[in-house]
Amino acid sequence: MPRIKLANWHGDRAPGEEIEVDAANLKGLQRDGMVAEVLGYDNGGVLEPGATVATNDTGEPEAVEPAPPTEGRRKR
């Protein structure tokens, strides 16, 4: 189950509190802007970092450039 840090109040849970949610609730909370950070996924007691930041060989975060626009018709 994913472990997250809350960005806003969620029921009786305060901002900054860490909770475990299932994958469906994680998507909904991210859509609503309630997730400050995905801390990782619990795999039998071993937490793996979520795919929120790209890292280089030294383990430091690196900038991720947005994908270039696709060719085709443009909206007016």
PDB file of N, CA and C in Angstrom:
ATOM      1  N   MET A   1       0.842  -1.180   0.000  1.00  0.00           N
ATOM      2  CA  MET A   1       0.000   0.000   0.000  1.00  0.00           C
ATOM      3  C   MET A   1       0.888   1.245   0.000  1.00  0.00           C
ATOM      4  N   PRO A   2       0.520   2.252  -0.766  1.00  0.00           N
ATOM      5  CA  PRO A   2       1.296   3.493  -0.791  1.00  0.00           C
ATOM      6  C   PRO A   2       1.191   4.236   0.536  1.00  0.00           C
ATOM      7  N   ARG A   3       2.284   4.864   0.930  1.00  0.00           N
ATOM      8  CA  ARG A   3       2.326   5.699   2.127  1.00  0.00           C
ATOM      9  C   ARG A   3       2.524   7.134   1.652  1.00  0.00           C
ATOM     10  N   ILE A   4       1.650   8.055   2.125  1.00  0.00           N
ATOM     11  CA  ILE A   4       1.686   9.437   1.655  1.00  0.00           C
ATOM     12  C   ILE A   4       1.757  10.409   2.821  1.00  0.00           C
ATOM     13  N   LYS A   5       2.158  11.642   2.501  1.00  0.00           N
ATOM     14  CA  LYS A   5       2.102  12.749   3.453  1.00  0.00           C
ATOM     15  C   LYS A   5       1.015  13.685   2.956  1.00  0.00           C
ATOM     16  N   LEU A   6       0.087  14.053   3.844  1.00  0.00           N
ATOM     17  CA  LEU A   6      -1.048  14.885   3.461  1.00  0.00           C
ATOM     18  C   LEU A   6      -0.656  16.348   3.299  1.00  0.00           C
ATOM     19  N   ALA A   7      -1.255  17.016   2.314  1.00  0.00           N
ATOM     20  CA  ALA A   7      -1.033  18.436   2.085  1.00  0.00           C
ATOM     21  C   ALA A   7      -2.101  19.279   2.771  1.00  0.00           C
ATOM     22  N   ASN A   8      -3.291  18.724   2.975  1.00  0.00           N
ATOM     23  CA  ASN A   8      -4.422  19.429   3.583  1.00  0.00           C
ATOM     24  C   ASN A   8      -5.111  18.502   4.574  1.00  0.00           C
ATOM     25  N   TRP A   9      -6.087  19.040   5.299  1.00  0.00           N
ATOM     26  CA  TRP A   9      -6.877  18.234   6.214  1.00  0.00           C
ATOM     27  C   TRP A   9      -7.640  17.184   5.419  1.00  0.00           C
ATOM     28  N   HIS A  10      -7.665  15.967   5.910  1.00  0.00           N
ATOM     29  CA  HIS A  10      -8.423  14.869   5.299  1.00  0.00           C
ATOM     30  C   HIS A  10      -9.161  14.160   6.434  1.00  0.00           C
ATOM     31  N   GLY A  11     -10.435  14.526   6.613  1.00  0.00           N
ATOM     32  CA  GLY A  11     -11.192  13.998   7.754  1.00  0.00           C
ATOM     33  C   GLY A  11     -10.595  14.550   9.039  1.00  0.00           C
ATOM     34  N   ASP A  12     -10.167  13.670   9.940  1.00  0.00           N
ATOM     35  CA  ASP A  12      -9.548  14.106  11.184  1.00  0.00           C
ATOM     36  C   ASP A  12      -8.019  14.086  11.107  1.00  0.00           C
ATOM     37  N   ARG A  13      -7.473  13.872   9.925  1.00  0.00           N
ATOM     38  CA  ARG A  13      -6.021  13.820   9.727  1.00  0.00           C
ATOM     39  C   ARG A  13      -5.488  15.204   9.374  1.00  0.00           C
ATOM     40  N   ALA A  14      -4.434  15.627  10.071  1.00  0.00           N
ATOM     41  CA  ALA A  14      -3.865  16.962   9.900  1.00  0.00           C
ATOM     42  C   ALA A  14      -2.895  17.004   8.724  1.00  0.00           C
ATOM     43  N   PRO A  15      -2.654  18.193   8.146  1.00  0.00           N
ATOM     44  CA  PRO A  15      -1.645  18.328   7.092  1.00  0.00           C
ATOM     45  C   PRO A  15      -0.273  17.923   7.625  1.00  0.00           C
ATOM     46  N   GLY A  16       0.479  17.210   6.797  1.00  0.00           N
ATOM     47  CA  GLY A  16       1.802  16.746   7.195  1.00  0.00           C
ATOM     48  C   GLY A  16       1.789  15.369   7.818  1.00  0.00           C
ATOM     49  N   GLU A  17       0.620  14.854   8.141  1.00  0.00           N
ATOM     50  CA  GLU A  17       0.515  13.523   8.734  1.00  0.00           C
ATOM     51  C   GLU A  17       0.730  12.465   7.659  1.00  0.00           C
ATOM     52  N   GLU A  18       1.383  11.364   8.021  1.00  0.00           N
ATOM     53  CA  GLU A  18       1.658  10.278   7.085  1.00  0.00           C
ATOM     54  C   GLU A  18       0.625   9.179   7.280  1.00  0.00           C
ATOM     55  N   ILE A  19       0.008   8.754   6.161  1.00  0.00           N
ATOM     56  CA  ILE A  19      -1.003   7.696   6.213  1.00  0.00           C
ATOM     57  C   ILE A  19      -0.771   6.714   5.075  1.00  0.00           C
ATOM     58  N   GLU A  20      -1.343   5.513   5.224  1.00  0.00           N
ATOM     59  CA  GLU A  20      -1.318   4.517   4.158  1.00  0.00           C
ATOM     60  C   GLU A  20      -2.684   4.496   3.486  1.00  0.00           C
ATOM     61  N   VAL A  21      -2.686   4.468   2.162  1.00  0.00           N
ATOM     62  CA  VAL A  21      -3.923   4.436   1.389  1.00  0.00           C
ATOM     63  C   VAL A  21      -3.795   3.369   0.312  1.00  0.00           C
ATOM     64  N   ASP A  22      -4.923   2.958  -0.250  1.00  0.00           N
ATOM     65  CA  ASP A  22      -4.847   2.016  -1.366  1.00  0.00           C
ATOM     66  C   ASP A  22      -4.668   2.794  -2.670  1.00  0.00           C
ATOM     67  N   ALA A  23      -4.402   2.094  -3.753  1.00  0.00           N
ATOM     68  CA  ALA A  23      -4.083   2.729  -5.034  1.00  0.00           C
ATOM     69  C   ALA A  23      -5.228   3.596  -5.552  1.00  0.00           C
ATOM     70  N   ALA A  24      -6.467   3.150  -5.380  1.00  0.00           N
ATOM     71  CA  ALA A  24      -7.606   3.925  -5.863  1.00  0.00           C
ATOM     72  C   ALA A  24      -7.749   5.234  -5.091  1.00  0.00           C
ATOM     73  N   ASN A  25      -7.612   5.173  -3.771  1.00  0.00           N
ATOM     74  CA  ASN A  25      -7.689   6.391  -2.960  1.00  0.00           C
ATOM     75  C   ASN A  25      -6.523   7.325  -3.245  1.00  0.00           C
ATOM     76  N   LEU A  26      -5.351   6.767  -3.540  1.00  0.00           N
ATOM     77  CA  LEU A  26      -4.189   7.589  -3.866  1.00  0.00           C
ATOM     78  C   LEU A  26      -4.470   8.446  -5.098  1.00  0.00           C
ATOM     79  N   LYS A  27      -5.034   7.853  -6.132  1.00  0.00           N
ATOM     80  CA  LYS A  27      -5.356   8.612  -7.350  1.00  0.00           C
ATOM     81  C   LYS A  27      -6.336   9.730  -7.058  1.00  0.00           C
ATOM     82  N   GLY A  28      -7.374   9.427  -6.289  1.00  0.00           N
ATOM     83  CA  GLY A  28      -8.378  10.432  -5.954  1.00  0.00           C
ATOM     84  C   GLY A  28      -7.797  11.563  -5.116  1.00  0.00           C
ATOM     85  N   LEU A  29      -6.970  11.223  -4.143  1.00  0.00           N
ATOM     86  CA  LEU A  29      -6.355  12.249  -3.297  1.00  0.00           C
ATOM     87  C   LEU A  29      -5.383  13.114  -4.095  1.00  0.00           C
ATOM     88  N   GLN A  30      -4.633  12.513  -5.019  1.00  0.00           N
ATOM     89  CA  GLN A  30      -3.736  13.295  -5.870  1.00  0.00           C
ATOM     90  C   GLN A  30      -4.529  14.223  -6.772  1.00  0.00           C
ATOM     91  N   ARG A  31      -5.630  13.749  -7.318  1.00  0.00           N
ATOM     92  CA  ARG A  31      -6.479  14.571  -8.186  1.00  0.00           C
ATOM     93  C   ARG A  31      -7.014  15.778  -7.431  1.00  0.00           C
ATOM     94  N   ASP A  32      -7.358  15.591  -6.153  1.00  0.00           N
ATOM     95  CA  ASP A  32      -7.927  16.656  -5.337  1.00  0.00           C
ATOM     96  C   ASP A  32      -6.868  17.554  -4.703  1.00  0.00           C
ATOM     97  N   GLY A  33      -5.584  17.264  -4.920  1.00  0.00           N
ATOM     98  CA  GLY A  33      -4.517  18.091  -4.369  1.00  0.00           C
ATOM     99  C   GLY A  33      -4.281  17.869  -2.886  1.00  0.00           C
ATOM    100  N   MET A  34      -4.599  16.689  -2.395  1.00  0.00           N
ATOM    101  CA  MET A  34      -4.454  16.387  -0.973  1.00  0.00           C
ATOM    102  C   MET A  34      -3.113  15.744  -0.630  1.00  0.00           C
ATOM    103  N   VAL A  35      -2.325  15.348  -1.636  1.00  0.00           N
ATOM    104  CA  VAL A  35      -1.078  14.629  -1.393  1.00  0.00           C
ATOM    105  C   VAL A  35       0.102  15.586  -1.524  1.00  0.00           C
ATOM    106  N   ALA A  36       0.856  15.754  -0.428  1.00  0.00           N
ATOM    107  CA  ALA A  36       2.058  16.579  -0.470  1.00  0.00           C
ATOM    108  C   ALA A  36       3.221  15.780  -1.044  1.00  0.00           C
ATOM    109  N   GLU A  37       3.281  14.482  -0.698  1.00  0.00           N
ATOM    110  CA  GLU A  37       4.409  13.668  -1.119  1.00  0.00           C
ATOM    111  C   GLU A  37       4.025  12.199  -1.021  1.00  0.00           C
ATOM    112  N   VAL A  38       4.437  11.400  -2.015  1.00  0.00           N
ATOM    113  CA  VAL A  38       4.288   9.955  -1.941  1.00  0.00           C
ATOM    114  C   VAL A  38       5.595   9.440  -1.358  1.00  0.00           C
ATOM    115  N   LEU A  39       5.519   8.862  -0.164  1.00  0.00           N
ATOM    116  CA  LEU A  39       6.718   8.446   0.542  1.00  0.00           C
ATOM    117  C   LEU A  39       7.248   7.104   0.070  1.00  0.00           C
ATOM    118  N   GLY A  40       6.376   6.249  -0.402  1.00  0.00           N
ATOM    119  CA  GLY A  40       6.828   4.956  -0.897  1.00  0.00           C
ATOM    120  C   GLY A  40       5.707   3.947  -0.844  1.00  0.00           C
ATOM    121  N   TYR A  41       6.054   2.723  -1.215  1.00  0.00           N
ATOM    122  CA  TYR A  41       5.098   1.636  -1.240  1.00  0.00           C
ATOM    123  C   TYR A  41       5.568   0.584  -0.258  1.00  0.00           C
ATOM    124  N   ASP A  42       4.673   0.112   0.607  1.00  0.00           N
ATOM    125  CA  ASP A  42       5.018  -0.879   1.616  1.00  0.00           C
ATOM    126  C   ASP A  42       4.981  -2.262   0.990  1.00  0.00           C
ATOM    127  N   ASN A  43       6.146  -2.885   0.905  1.00  0.00           N
ATOM    128  CA  ASN A  43       6.250  -4.238   0.352  1.00  0.00           C
ATOM    129  C   ASN A  43       6.778  -5.174   1.437  1.00  0.00           C
ATOM    130  N   GLY A  44       5.898  -5.583   2.338  1.00  0.00           N
ATOM    131  CA  GLY A  44       6.320  -6.495   3.393  1.00  0.00           C
ATOM    132  C   GLY A  44       7.290  -5.855   4.369  1.00  0.00           C
ATOM    133  N   GLY A  45       7.092  -4.598   4.691  1.00  0.00           N
ATOM    134  CA  GLY A  45       7.966  -3.932   5.647  1.00  0.00           C
ATOM    135  C   GLY A  45       9.103  -3.155   4.998  1.00  0.00           C
ATOM    136  N   VAL A  46       9.297  -3.304   3.687  1.00  0.00           N
ATOM    137  CA  VAL A  46      10.365  -2.588   2.988  1.00  0.00           C
ATOM    138  C   VAL A  46       9.737  -1.467   2.178  1.00  0.00           C
ATOM    139  N   LEU A  47      10.114  -0.234   2.477  1.00  0.00           N
ATOM    140  CA  LEU A  47       9.573   0.901   1.733  1.00  0.00           C
ATOM    141  C   LEU A  47      10.466   1.216   0.549  1.00  0.00           C
ATOM    142  N   GLU A  48       9.858   1.306  -0.618  1.00  0.00           N
ATOM    143  CA  GLU A  48      10.571   1.712  -1.823  1.00  0.00           C
ATOM    144  C   GLU A  48      10.101   3.112  -2.184  1.00  0.00           C
ATOM    145  N   PRO A  49      11.000   3.995  -2.599  1.00  0.00           N
ATOM    146  CA  PRO A  49      10.565   5.349  -2.944  1.00  0.00           C
ATOM    147  C   PRO A  49       9.641   5.338  -4.148  1.00  0.00           C
ATOM    148  N   GLY A  50       8.648   6.222  -4.117  1.00  0.00           N
ATOM    149  CA  GLY A  50       7.728   6.353  -5.237  1.00  0.00           C
ATOM    150  C   GLY A  50       8.415   7.034  -6.408  1.00  0.00           C
ATOM    151  N   ALA A  51       7.819   6.971  -7.575  1.00  0.00           N
ATOM    152  CA  ALA A  51       8.399   7.561  -8.770  1.00  0.00           C
ATOM    153  C   ALA A  51       7.963   9.017  -8.889  1.00  0.00           C
ATOM    154  N   THR A  52       8.381   9.856  -7.917  1.00  0.00           N
ATOM    155  CA  THR A  52       7.977  11.251  -7.947  1.00  0.00           C
ATOM    156  C   THR A  52       9.101  12.157  -8.431  1.00  0.00           C
ATOM    157  N   VAL A  53      10.365  11.744  -8.247  1.00  0.00           N
ATOM    158  CA  VAL A  53      11.504  12.570  -8.629  1.00  0.00           C
ATOM    159  C   VAL A  53      12.527  11.697  -9.331  1.00  0.00           C
ATOM    160  N   ALA A  54      13.030  12.157 -10.470  1.00  0.00           N
ATOM    161  CA  ALA A  54      14.086  11.435 -11.167  1.00  0.00           C
ATOM    162  C   ALA A  54      15.413  11.718 -10.476  1.00  0.00           C
ATOM    163  N   THR A  55      16.258  10.698 -10.356  1.00  0.00           N
ATOM    164  CA  THR A  55      17.564  10.887  -9.727  1.00  0.00           C
ATOM    165  C   THR A  55      18.659  10.464 -10.692  1.00  0.00           C
ATOM    166  N   ASN A  56      19.828  11.047 -10.513  1.00  0.00           N
ATOM    167  CA  ASN A  56      20.966  10.683 -11.348  1.00  0.00           C
ATOM    168  C   ASN A  56      21.817   9.646 -10.623  1.00  0.00           C
ATOM    169  N   ASP A  57      23.031   9.349 -11.128  1.00  0.00           N
ATOM    170  CA  ASP A  57      23.879   8.304 -10.551  1.00  0.00           C
ATOM    171  C   ASP A  57      24.319   8.614  -9.127  1.00  0.00           C
ATOM    172  N   THR A  58      24.427   9.888  -8.775  1.00  0.00           N
ATOM    173  CA  THR A  58      24.870  10.248  -7.430  1.00  0.00           C
ATOM    174  C   THR A  58      23.719  10.276  -6.431  1.00  0.00           C
ATOM    175  N   GLY A  59      22.489  10.069  -6.882  1.00  0.00           N
ATOM    176  CA  GLY A  59      21.339  10.052  -6.003  1.00  0.00           C
ATOM    177  C   GLY A  59      20.704  11.416  -5.804  1.00  0.00           C
ATOM    178  N   GLU A  60      21.227  12.433  -6.482  1.00  0.00           N
ATOM    179  CA  GLU A  60      20.659  13.770  -6.361  1.00  0.00           C
ATOM    180  C   GLU A  60      19.510  13.928  -7.352  1.00  0.00           C
ATOM    181  N   PRO A  61      18.484  14.706  -6.990  1.00  0.00           N
ATOM    182  CA  PRO A  61      17.383  14.917  -7.929  1.00  0.00           C
ATOM    183  C   PRO A  61      17.856  15.670  -9.164  1.00  0.00           C
ATOM    184  N   GLU A  62      17.296  15.336 -10.290  1.00  0.00           N
ATOM    185  CA  GLU A  62      17.647  16.052 -11.515  1.00  0.00           C
ATOM    186  C   GLU A  62      16.384  16.584 -12.164  1.00  0.00           C
ATOM    187  N   ALA A  63      16.549  17.645 -12.908  1.00  0.00           N
ATOM    188  CA  ALA A  63      15.405  18.296 -13.549  1.00  0.00           C
ATOM    189  C   ALA A  63      14.823  17.384 -14.624  1.00  0.00           C
ATOM    190  N   VAL A  64      13.521  17.329 -14.679  1.00  0.00           N
ATOM    191  CA  VAL A  64      12.823  16.542 -15.693  1.00  0.00           C
ATOM    192  C   VAL A  64      12.119  17.519 -16.610  1.00  0.00           C
ATOM    193  N   GLU A  65      12.477  17.485 -17.902  1.00  0.00           N
ATOM    194  CA  GLU A  65      11.886  18.400 -18.860  1.00  0.00           C
ATOM    195  C   GLU A  65      10.548  17.839 -19.353  1.00  0.00           C
ATOM    196  N   PRO A  66       9.567  18.709 -19.567  1.00  0.00           N
ATOM    197  CA  PRO A  66       8.284  18.224 -20.084  1.00  0.00           C
ATOM    198  C   PRO A  66       8.435  17.704 -21.510  1.00  0.00           C
ATOM    199  N   ALA A  67       7.549  16.797 -21.883  1.00  0.00           N
ATOM    200  CA  ALA A  67       7.587  16.218 -23.225  1.00  0.00           C
ATOM    201  C   ALA A  67       7.275  17.304 -24.258  1.00  0.00           C
ATOM    202  N   PRO A  68       7.954  17.260 -25.410  1.00  0.00           N
ATOM    203  CA  PRO A  68       7.667  18.261 -26.443  1.00  0.00           C
ATOM    204  C   PRO A  68       6.254  18.062 -26.989  1.00  0.00           C
ATOM    205  N   PRO A  69       5.638  19.129 -27.470  1.00  0.00           N
ATOM    206  CA  PRO A  69       4.283  18.986 -28.009  1.00  0.00           C
ATOM    207  C   PRO A  69       4.282  18.081 -29.232  1.00  0.00           C
ATOM    208  N   THR A  70       3.209  17.343 -29.384  1.00  0.00           N
ATOM    209  CA  THR A  70       3.107  16.444 -30.523  1.00  0.00           C
ATOM    210  C   THR A  70       2.695  17.223 -31.764  1.00  0.00           C
ATOM    211  N   GLU A  71       3.091  16.722 -32.900  1.00  0.00           N
ATOM    212  CA  GLU A  71       2.728  17.356 -34.174  1.00  0.00           C
ATOM    213  C   GLU A  71       1.259  17.089 -34.447  1.00  0.00           C
ATOM    214  N   GLY A  72       0.629  17.982 -35.155  1.00  0.00           N
ATOM    215  CA  GLY A  72      -0.763  17.771 -35.517  1.00  0.00           C
ATOM    216  C   GLY A  72      -1.539  19.068 -35.445  1.00  0.00           C
ATOM    217  N   ARG A  73      -2.826  18.935 -35.413  1.00  0.00           N
ATOM    218  CA  ARG A  73      -3.700  20.119 -35.397  1.00  0.00           C
ATOM    219  C   ARG A  73      -3.656  20.786 -34.028  1.00  0.00           C
ATOM    220  N   ARG A  74      -3.738  22.105 -34.066  1.00  0.00           N
ATOM    221  CA  ARG A  74      -3.753  22.884 -32.831  1.00  0.00           C
ATOM    222  C   ARG A  74      -5.150  23.412 -32.583  1.00  0.00           C
ATOM    223  N   LYS A  75      -5.507  23.493 -31.317  1.00  0.00           N
ATOM    224  CA  LYS A  75      -6.792  24.088 -30.966  1.00  0.00           C
ATOM    225  C   LYS A  75      -6.697  25.589 -31.045  1.00  0.00           C
ATOM    226  N   ARG A  76      -7.808  26.217 -31.398  1.00  0.00           N
ATOM    227  CA  ARG A  76      -7.858  27.674 -31.436  1.00  0.00           C
ATOM    228  C   ARG A  76      -8.517  28.211 -30.213  1.00  0.00           C
TER     229      ARG A  76
END
